[in-house]
PDB file of all heavy atoms in Angstrom:
ATOM      1  N   PRO A   1       0.731  -1.260  -0.012  1.00  0.00           N
ATOM      2  CA  PRO A   1      -0.010  -0.030   0.029  1.00  0.00           C
ATOM      3  C   PRO A   1       0.820   1.286  -0.035  1.00  0.00           C
ATOM      4  O   PRO A   1       0.427   2.260  -0.643  1.00  0.00           O
ATOM      5  CB  PRO A   1      -0.829  -0.159   1.304  1.00  0.00           C
ATOM      6  CG  PRO A   1      -1.057  -1.566   1.425  1.00  0.00           C
ATOM      7  CD  PRO A   1       0.235  -2.237   0.936  1.00  0.00           C
ATOM      8  N   ALA A   2       1.973   1.289   0.676  1.00  0.00           N
ATOM      9  CA  ALA A   2       2.724   2.551   0.686  1.00  0.00           C
ATOM     10  C   ALA A   2       3.211   2.970  -0.704  1.00  0.00           C
ATOM     11  O   ALA A   2       3.528   4.082  -0.857  1.00  0.00           O
ATOM     12  CB  ALA A   2       3.927   2.412   1.681  1.00  0.00           C
ATOM     13  N   ASP A   3       3.251   2.037  -1.628  1.00  0.00           N
ATOM     14  CA  ASP A   3       3.839   2.350  -2.934  1.00  0.00           C
ATOM     15  C   ASP A   3       2.802   2.725  -4.010  1.00  0.00           C
ATOM     16  O   ASP A   3       3.199   3.052  -5.117  1.00  0.00           O
ATOM     17  CB  ASP A   3       4.665   1.227  -3.476  1.00  0.00           C
ATOM     18  CG  ASP A   3       5.935   0.952  -2.619  1.00  0.00           C
ATOM     19  OD1 ASP A   3       6.519   1.996  -2.189  1.00  0.00           O
ATOM     20  OD2 ASP A   3       6.300  -0.172  -2.286  1.00  0.00           O
ATOM     21  N   ILE A   4       1.559   2.652  -3.729  1.00  0.00           N
ATOM     22  CA  ILE A   4       0.486   3.083  -4.646  1.00  0.00           C
ATOM     23  C   ILE A   4       0.635   4.520  -4.983  1.00  0.00           C
ATOM     24  O   ILE A   4       0.283   4.964  -6.045  1.00  0.00           O
ATOM     25  CB  ILE A   4      -0.861   2.726  -4.096  1.00  0.00           C
ATOM     26  CG1 ILE A   4      -1.020   1.116  -4.039  1.00  0.00           C
ATOM     27  CG2 ILE A   4      -2.023   3.272  -5.011  1.00  0.00           C
ATOM     28  CD1 ILE A   4      -2.330   0.632  -3.545  1.00  0.00           C
ATOM     29  N   ALA A   5       1.131   5.253  -4.053  1.00  0.00           N
ATOM     30  CA  ALA A   5       1.396   6.709  -4.254  1.00  0.00           C
ATOM     31  C   ALA A   5       2.311   6.919  -5.456  1.00  0.00           C
ATOM     32  O   ALA A   5       2.173   7.830  -6.237  1.00  0.00           O
ATOM     33  CB  ALA A   5       1.952   7.385  -2.985  1.00  0.00           C
ATOM     34  N   SER A   6       3.305   6.022  -5.595  1.00  0.00           N
ATOM     35  CA  SER A   6       4.245   6.162  -6.700  1.00  0.00           C
ATOM     36  C   SER A   6       3.546   5.951  -8.033  1.00  0.00           C
ATOM     37  O   SER A   6       3.848   6.680  -8.966  1.00  0.00           O
ATOM     38  CB  SER A   6       5.372   5.198  -6.615  1.00  0.00           C
ATOM     39  OG  SER A   6       6.108   5.307  -5.386  1.00  0.00           O
ATOM     40  N   ILE A   7       2.570   5.041  -8.066  1.00  0.00           N
ATOM     41  CA  ILE A   7       1.797   4.726  -9.313  1.00  0.00           C
ATOM     42  C   ILE A   7       0.990   5.984  -9.659  1.00  0.00           C
ATOM     43  O   ILE A   7       0.909   6.410 -10.785  1.00  0.00           O
ATOM     44  CB  ILE A   7       0.945   3.551  -9.070  1.00  0.00           C
ATOM     45  CG1 ILE A   7       1.758   2.283  -8.758  1.00  0.00           C
ATOM     46  CG2 ILE A   7       0.095   3.296 -10.394  1.00  0.00           C
ATOM     47  CD1 ILE A   7       1.043   1.068  -8.323  1.00  0.00           C
ATOM     48  N   GLU A   8       0.300   6.514  -8.656  1.00  0.00           N
ATOM     49  CA  GLU A   8      -0.548   7.685  -8.885  1.00  0.00           C
ATOM     50  C   GLU A   8       0.315   8.886  -9.328  1.00  0.00           C
ATOM     51  O   GLU A   8      -0.120   9.616 -10.261  1.00  0.00           O
ATOM     52  CB  GLU A   8      -1.317   8.052  -7.572  1.00  0.00           C
ATOM     53  CG  GLU A   8      -2.182   9.291  -7.754  1.00  0.00           C
ATOM     54  CD  GLU A   8      -2.996   9.598  -6.517  1.00  0.00           C
ATOM     55  OE1 GLU A   8      -2.650   9.100  -5.428  1.00  0.00           O
ATOM     56  OE2 GLU A   8      -3.940  10.391  -6.634  1.00  0.00           O
ATOM     57  N   SER A   9       1.389   9.096  -8.725  1.00  0.00           N
ATOM     58  CA  SER A   9       2.347  10.190  -9.081  1.00  0.00           C
ATOM     59  C   SER A   9       2.756  10.120 -10.541  1.00  0.00           C
ATOM     60  O   SER A   9       2.704  11.174 -11.240  1.00  0.00           O
ATOM     61  CB  SER A   9       3.518  10.220  -8.148  1.00  0.00           C
ATOM     62  OG  SER A   9       4.372  11.213  -8.534  1.00  0.00           O
ATOM     63  N   LEU A  10       3.137   8.956 -11.039  1.00  0.00           N
ATOM     64  CA  LEU A  10       3.564   8.865 -12.388  1.00  0.00           C
ATOM     65  C   LEU A  10       2.338   9.005 -13.308  1.00  0.00           C
ATOM     66  O   LEU A  10       2.454   9.642 -14.366  1.00  0.00           O
ATOM     67  CB  LEU A  10       4.258   7.456 -12.615  1.00  0.00           C
ATOM     68  CG  LEU A  10       4.762   7.252 -14.044  1.00  0.00           C
ATOM     69  CD1 LEU A  10       5.718   8.336 -14.457  1.00  0.00           C
ATOM     70  CD2 LEU A  10       5.323   5.894 -14.238  1.00  0.00           C
ATOM     71  N   ALA A  11       1.154   8.471 -12.904  1.00  0.00           N
ATOM     72  CA  ALA A  11       0.015   8.575 -13.796  1.00  0.00           C
ATOM     73  C   ALA A  11      -0.348  10.057 -13.920  1.00  0.00           C
ATOM     74  O   ALA A  11      -0.671  10.552 -15.047  1.00  0.00           O
ATOM     75  CB  ALA A  11      -1.143   7.899 -13.113  1.00  0.00           C
ATOM     76  N   LEU A  12      -0.265  10.899 -12.880  1.00  0.00           N
ATOM     77  CA  LEU A  12      -0.485  12.261 -12.991  1.00  0.00           C
ATOM     78  C   LEU A  12       0.564  12.962 -13.842  1.00  0.00           C
ATOM     79  O   LEU A  12       0.252  13.852 -14.632  1.00  0.00           O
ATOM     80  CB  LEU A  12      -0.592  12.913 -11.619  1.00  0.00           C
ATOM     81  CG  LEU A  12      -1.728  12.481 -10.733  1.00  0.00           C
ATOM     82  CD1 LEU A  12      -1.597  13.021  -9.320  1.00  0.00           C
ATOM     83  CD2 LEU A  12      -3.058  13.058 -11.292  1.00  0.00           C
ATOM     84  N   GLU A  13       1.817  12.580 -13.731  1.00  0.00           N
ATOM     85  CA  GLU A  13       2.835  13.252 -14.519  1.00  0.00           C
ATOM     86  C   GLU A  13       2.690  12.937 -16.003  1.00  0.00           C
ATOM     87  O   GLU A  13       2.979  13.819 -16.829  1.00  0.00           O
ATOM     88  CB  GLU A  13       4.186  12.746 -14.039  1.00  0.00           C
ATOM     89  CG  GLU A  13       5.407  13.387 -14.631  1.00  0.00           C
ATOM     90  CD  GLU A  13       6.720  12.898 -13.958  1.00  0.00           C
ATOM     91  OE1 GLU A  13       6.715  11.908 -13.189  1.00  0.00           O
ATOM     92  OE2 GLU A  13       7.751  13.446 -14.408  1.00  0.00           O
ATOM     93  N   LEU A  14       2.186  11.704 -16.303  1.00  0.00           N
ATOM     94  CA  LEU A  14       2.046  11.317 -17.756  1.00  0.00           C
ATOM     95  C   LEU A  14       0.762  11.894 -18.331  1.00  0.00           C
ATOM     96  O   LEU A  14       0.616  11.931 -19.528  1.00  0.00           O
ATOM     97  CB  LEU A  14       2.083   9.807 -17.879  1.00  0.00           C
ATOM     98  CG  LEU A  14       3.470   9.150 -17.554  1.00  0.00           C
ATOM     99  CD1 LEU A  14       3.354   7.641 -17.610  1.00  0.00           C
ATOM    100  CD2 LEU A  14       4.558   9.646 -18.639  1.00  0.00           C
ATOM    101  N   GLY A  15      -0.187  12.339 -17.449  1.00  0.00           N
ATOM    102  CA  GLY A  15      -1.386  12.905 -17.964  1.00  0.00           C
ATOM    103  C   GLY A  15      -2.467  11.863 -18.150  1.00  0.00           C
ATOM    104  O   GLY A  15      -3.285  11.995 -19.072  1.00  0.00           O
ATOM    105  N   TYR A  16      -2.512  10.861 -17.266  1.00  0.00           N
ATOM    106  CA  TYR A  16      -3.742   9.954 -17.367  1.00  0.00           C
ATOM    107  C   TYR A  16      -5.046  10.696 -17.136  1.00  0.00           C
ATOM    108  O   TYR A  16      -5.079  11.705 -16.374  1.00  0.00           O
ATOM    109  CB  TYR A  16      -3.623   8.901 -16.272  1.00  0.00           C
ATOM    110  CG  TYR A  16      -2.604   7.777 -16.353  1.00  0.00           C
ATOM    111  CD1 TYR A  16      -1.559   7.958 -17.269  1.00  0.00           C
ATOM    112  CD2 TYR A  16      -2.693   6.627 -15.674  1.00  0.00           C
ATOM    113  CE1 TYR A  16      -0.543   6.961 -17.368  1.00  0.00           C
ATOM    114  CE2 TYR A  16      -1.780   5.632 -15.835  1.00  0.00           C
ATOM    115  CZ  TYR A  16      -0.645   5.756 -16.680  1.00  0.00           C
ATOM    116  OH  TYR A  16       0.295   4.782 -16.757  1.00  0.00           O
ATOM    117  N   PRO A  17      -6.136  10.342 -17.835  1.00  0.00           N
ATOM    118  CA  PRO A  17      -7.374  10.959 -17.496  1.00  0.00           C
ATOM    119  C   PRO A  17      -7.783  10.698 -16.027  1.00  0.00           C
ATOM    120  O   PRO A  17      -7.584   9.595 -15.512  1.00  0.00           O
ATOM    121  CB  PRO A  17      -8.350  10.253 -18.488  1.00  0.00           C
ATOM    122  CG  PRO A  17      -7.687   8.981 -18.875  1.00  0.00           C
ATOM    123  CD  PRO A  17      -6.222   9.309 -18.859  1.00  0.00           C
ATOM    124  N   GLU A  18      -8.341  11.716 -15.413  1.00  0.00           N
ATOM    125  CA  GLU A  18      -8.611  11.607 -13.957  1.00  0.00           C
ATOM    126  C   GLU A  18      -9.563  10.413 -13.729  1.00  0.00           C
ATOM    127  O   GLU A  18      -9.486   9.781 -12.632  1.00  0.00           O
ATOM    128  CB  GLU A  18      -9.255  12.910 -13.496  1.00  0.00           C
ATOM    129  CG  GLU A  18      -8.336  14.078 -13.451  1.00  0.00           C
ATOM    130  CD  GLU A  18      -8.974  15.352 -12.884  1.00  0.00           C
ATOM    131  OE1 GLU A  18     -10.111  15.128 -12.376  1.00  0.00           O
ATOM    132  OE2 GLU A  18      -8.306  16.414 -12.896  1.00  0.00           O
ATOM    133  N   SER A  19     -10.352  10.082 -14.630  1.00  0.00           N
ATOM    134  CA  SER A  19     -11.386   9.111 -14.407  1.00  0.00           C
ATOM    135  C   SER A  19     -10.837   7.680 -14.212  1.00  0.00           C
ATOM    136  O   SER A  19     -11.542   6.814 -13.668  1.00  0.00           O
ATOM    137  CB  SER A  19     -12.433   9.047 -15.577  1.00  0.00           C
ATOM    138  OG  SER A  19     -13.056  10.247 -15.750  1.00  0.00           O
ATOM    139  N   VAL A  20      -9.619   7.444 -14.613  1.00  0.00           N
ATOM    140  CA  VAL A  20      -9.036   6.106 -14.478  1.00  0.00           C
ATOM    141  C   VAL A  20      -8.198   5.999 -13.257  1.00  0.00           C
ATOM    142  O   VAL A  20      -7.866   4.839 -12.798  1.00  0.00           O
ATOM    143  CB  VAL A  20      -8.219   5.678 -15.655  1.00  0.00           C
ATOM    144  CG1 VAL A  20      -8.967   5.866 -16.988  1.00  0.00           C
ATOM    145  CG2 VAL A  20      -6.902   6.410 -15.734  1.00  0.00           C
ATOM    146  N   ILE A  21      -7.835   7.064 -12.610  1.00  0.00           N
ATOM    147  CA  ILE A  21      -6.870   6.981 -11.488  1.00  0.00           C
ATOM    148  C   ILE A  21      -7.396   6.241 -10.303  1.00  0.00           C
ATOM    149  O   ILE A  21      -6.680   5.412  -9.762  1.00  0.00           O
ATOM    150  CB  ILE A  21      -6.304   8.400 -11.199  1.00  0.00           C
ATOM    151  CG1 ILE A  21      -5.446   8.893 -12.367  1.00  0.00           C
ATOM    152  CG2 ILE A  21      -5.477   8.353  -9.904  1.00  0.00           C
ATOM    153  CD1 ILE A  21      -4.823  10.274 -12.149  1.00  0.00           C
ATOM    154  N   SER A  22      -8.670   6.616  -9.919  1.00  0.00           N
ATOM    155  CA  SER A  22      -9.135   5.948  -8.719  1.00  0.00           C
ATOM    156  C   SER A  22      -9.426   4.454  -8.885  1.00  0.00           C
ATOM    157  O   SER A  22      -8.983   3.681  -8.093  1.00  0.00           O
ATOM    158  CB  SER A  22     -10.444   6.624  -8.246  1.00  0.00           C
ATOM    159  OG  SER A  22     -10.196   7.925  -7.722  1.00  0.00           O
ATOM    160  N   PRO A  23     -10.078   4.054  -9.953  1.00  0.00           N
ATOM    161  CA  PRO A  23     -10.216   2.585 -10.264  1.00  0.00           C
ATOM    162  C   PRO A  23      -8.948   1.915 -10.486  1.00  0.00           C
ATOM    163  O   PRO A  23      -8.765   0.757 -10.044  1.00  0.00           O
ATOM    164  CB  PRO A  23     -11.114   2.473 -11.512  1.00  0.00           C
ATOM    165  CG  PRO A  23     -11.060   3.884 -12.104  1.00  0.00           C
ATOM    166  CD  PRO A  23     -10.829   4.811 -11.024  1.00  0.00           C
ATOM    167  N   MET A  24      -7.912   2.530 -11.027  1.00  0.00           N
ATOM    168  CA  MET A  24      -6.601   1.921 -11.140  1.00  0.00           C
ATOM    169  C   MET A  24      -5.962   1.711  -9.763  1.00  0.00           C
ATOM    170  O   MET A  24      -5.425   0.637  -9.465  1.00  0.00           O
ATOM    171  CB  MET A  24      -5.700   2.819 -11.936  1.00  0.00           C
ATOM    172  CG  MET A  24      -4.271   2.268 -12.118  1.00  0.00           C
ATOM    173  SD  MET A  24      -3.126   3.406 -12.893  1.00  0.00           S
ATOM    174  CE  MET A  24      -2.970   4.730 -11.643  1.00  0.00           C
ATOM    175  N   LYS A  25      -6.111   2.627  -8.899  1.00  0.00           N
ATOM    176  CA  LYS A  25      -5.561   2.524  -7.500  1.00  0.00           C
ATOM    177  C   LYS A  25      -6.268   1.398  -6.738  1.00  0.00           C
ATOM    178  O   LYS A  25      -5.597   0.627  -6.008  1.00  0.00           O
ATOM    179  CB  LYS A  25      -5.668   3.873  -6.727  1.00  0.00           C
ATOM    180  CG  LYS A  25      -4.699   4.904  -7.313  1.00  0.00           C
ATOM    181  CD  LYS A  25      -5.007   6.298  -6.708  1.00  0.00           C
ATOM    182  CE  LYS A  25      -4.957   6.346  -5.258  1.00  0.00           C
ATOM    183  NZ  LYS A  25      -5.179   7.709  -4.720  1.00  0.00           N
ATOM    184  N   ARG A  26      -7.538   1.321  -6.906  1.00  0.00           N
ATOM    185  CA  ARG A  26      -8.371   0.184  -6.316  1.00  0.00           C
ATOM    186  C   ARG A  26      -7.908  -1.089  -6.790  1.00  0.00           C
ATOM    187  O   ARG A  26      -7.712  -2.053  -5.943  1.00  0.00           O
ATOM    188  CB  ARG A  26      -9.806   0.323  -6.491  1.00  0.00           C
ATOM    189  CG  ARG A  26     -10.500   1.582  -5.674  1.00  0.00           C
ATOM    190  CD  ARG A  26     -12.040   1.404  -5.689  1.00  0.00           C
ATOM    191  NE  ARG A  26     -12.506   1.534  -7.048  1.00  0.00           N
ATOM    192  CZ  ARG A  26     -12.895   2.708  -7.585  1.00  0.00           C
ATOM    193  NH1 ARG A  26     -12.687   3.866  -6.902  1.00  0.00           N
ATOM    194  NH2 ARG A  26     -13.453   2.776  -8.783  1.00  0.00           N
ATOM    195  N   ALA A  27      -7.709  -1.203  -8.000  1.00  0.00           N
ATOM    196  CA  ALA A  27      -7.238  -2.487  -8.623  1.00  0.00           C
ATOM    197  C   ALA A  27      -5.873  -2.877  -8.102  1.00  0.00           C
ATOM    198  O   ALA A  27      -5.534  -3.969  -7.904  1.00  0.00           O
ATOM    199  CB  ALA A  27      -7.247  -2.436 -10.093  1.00  0.00           C
ATOM    200  N   ALA A  28      -5.019  -1.844  -7.849  1.00  0.00           N
ATOM    201  CA  ALA A  28      -3.613  -2.079  -7.385  1.00  0.00           C
ATOM    202  C   ALA A  28      -3.598  -2.796  -6.026  1.00  0.00           C
ATOM    203  O   ALA A  28      -2.713  -3.522  -5.769  1.00  0.00           O
ATOM    204  CB  ALA A  28      -2.855  -0.737  -7.423  1.00  0.00           C
ATOM    205  N   THR A  29      -4.684  -2.440  -5.237  1.00  0.00           N
ATOM    206  CA  THR A  29      -4.601  -3.054  -3.839  1.00  0.00           C
ATOM    207  C   THR A  29      -4.796  -4.584  -3.799  1.00  0.00           C
ATOM    208  O   THR A  29      -4.520  -5.156  -2.868  1.00  0.00           O
ATOM    209  CB  THR A  29      -5.672  -2.367  -3.010  1.00  0.00           C
ATOM    210  OG1 THR A  29      -7.002  -2.645  -3.526  1.00  0.00           O
ATOM    211  CG2 THR A  29      -5.412  -0.860  -2.923  1.00  0.00           C
ATOM    212  N   SER A  30      -5.360  -5.109  -4.872  1.00  0.00           N
ATOM    213  CA  SER A  30      -5.654  -6.605  -4.862  1.00  0.00           C
ATOM    214  C   SER A  30      -4.843  -7.372  -5.785  1.00  0.00           C
ATOM    215  O   SER A  30      -5.079  -8.476  -6.042  1.00  0.00           O
ATOM    216  CB  SER A  30      -7.132  -6.757  -5.144  1.00  0.00           C
ATOM    217  OG  SER A  30      -7.500  -6.226  -6.343  1.00  0.00           O
ATOM    218  N   ILE A  31      -3.826  -6.766  -6.295  1.00  0.00           N
ATOM    219  CA  ILE A  31      -2.856  -7.503  -7.303  1.00  0.00           C
ATOM    220  C   ILE A  31      -1.938  -8.419  -6.506  1.00  0.00           C
ATOM    221  O   ILE A  31      -1.312  -7.984  -5.580  1.00  0.00           O
ATOM    222  CB  ILE A  31      -2.179  -6.493  -8.150  1.00  0.00           C
ATOM    223  CG1 ILE A  31      -3.190  -5.872  -9.167  1.00  0.00           C
ATOM    224  CG2 ILE A  31      -1.029  -7.196  -8.967  1.00  0.00           C
ATOM    225  CD1 ILE A  31      -2.551  -4.785  -9.956  1.00  0.00           C
TER     226      ILE A  31
END
């Protein structure tokens, strides 16, 4: 969990659409 912030940070830097960031983070918790 502490590293999901790194995923979000890169997603924002690359310009992911906001609508995918929350579901992407939720999916990350169960991988």
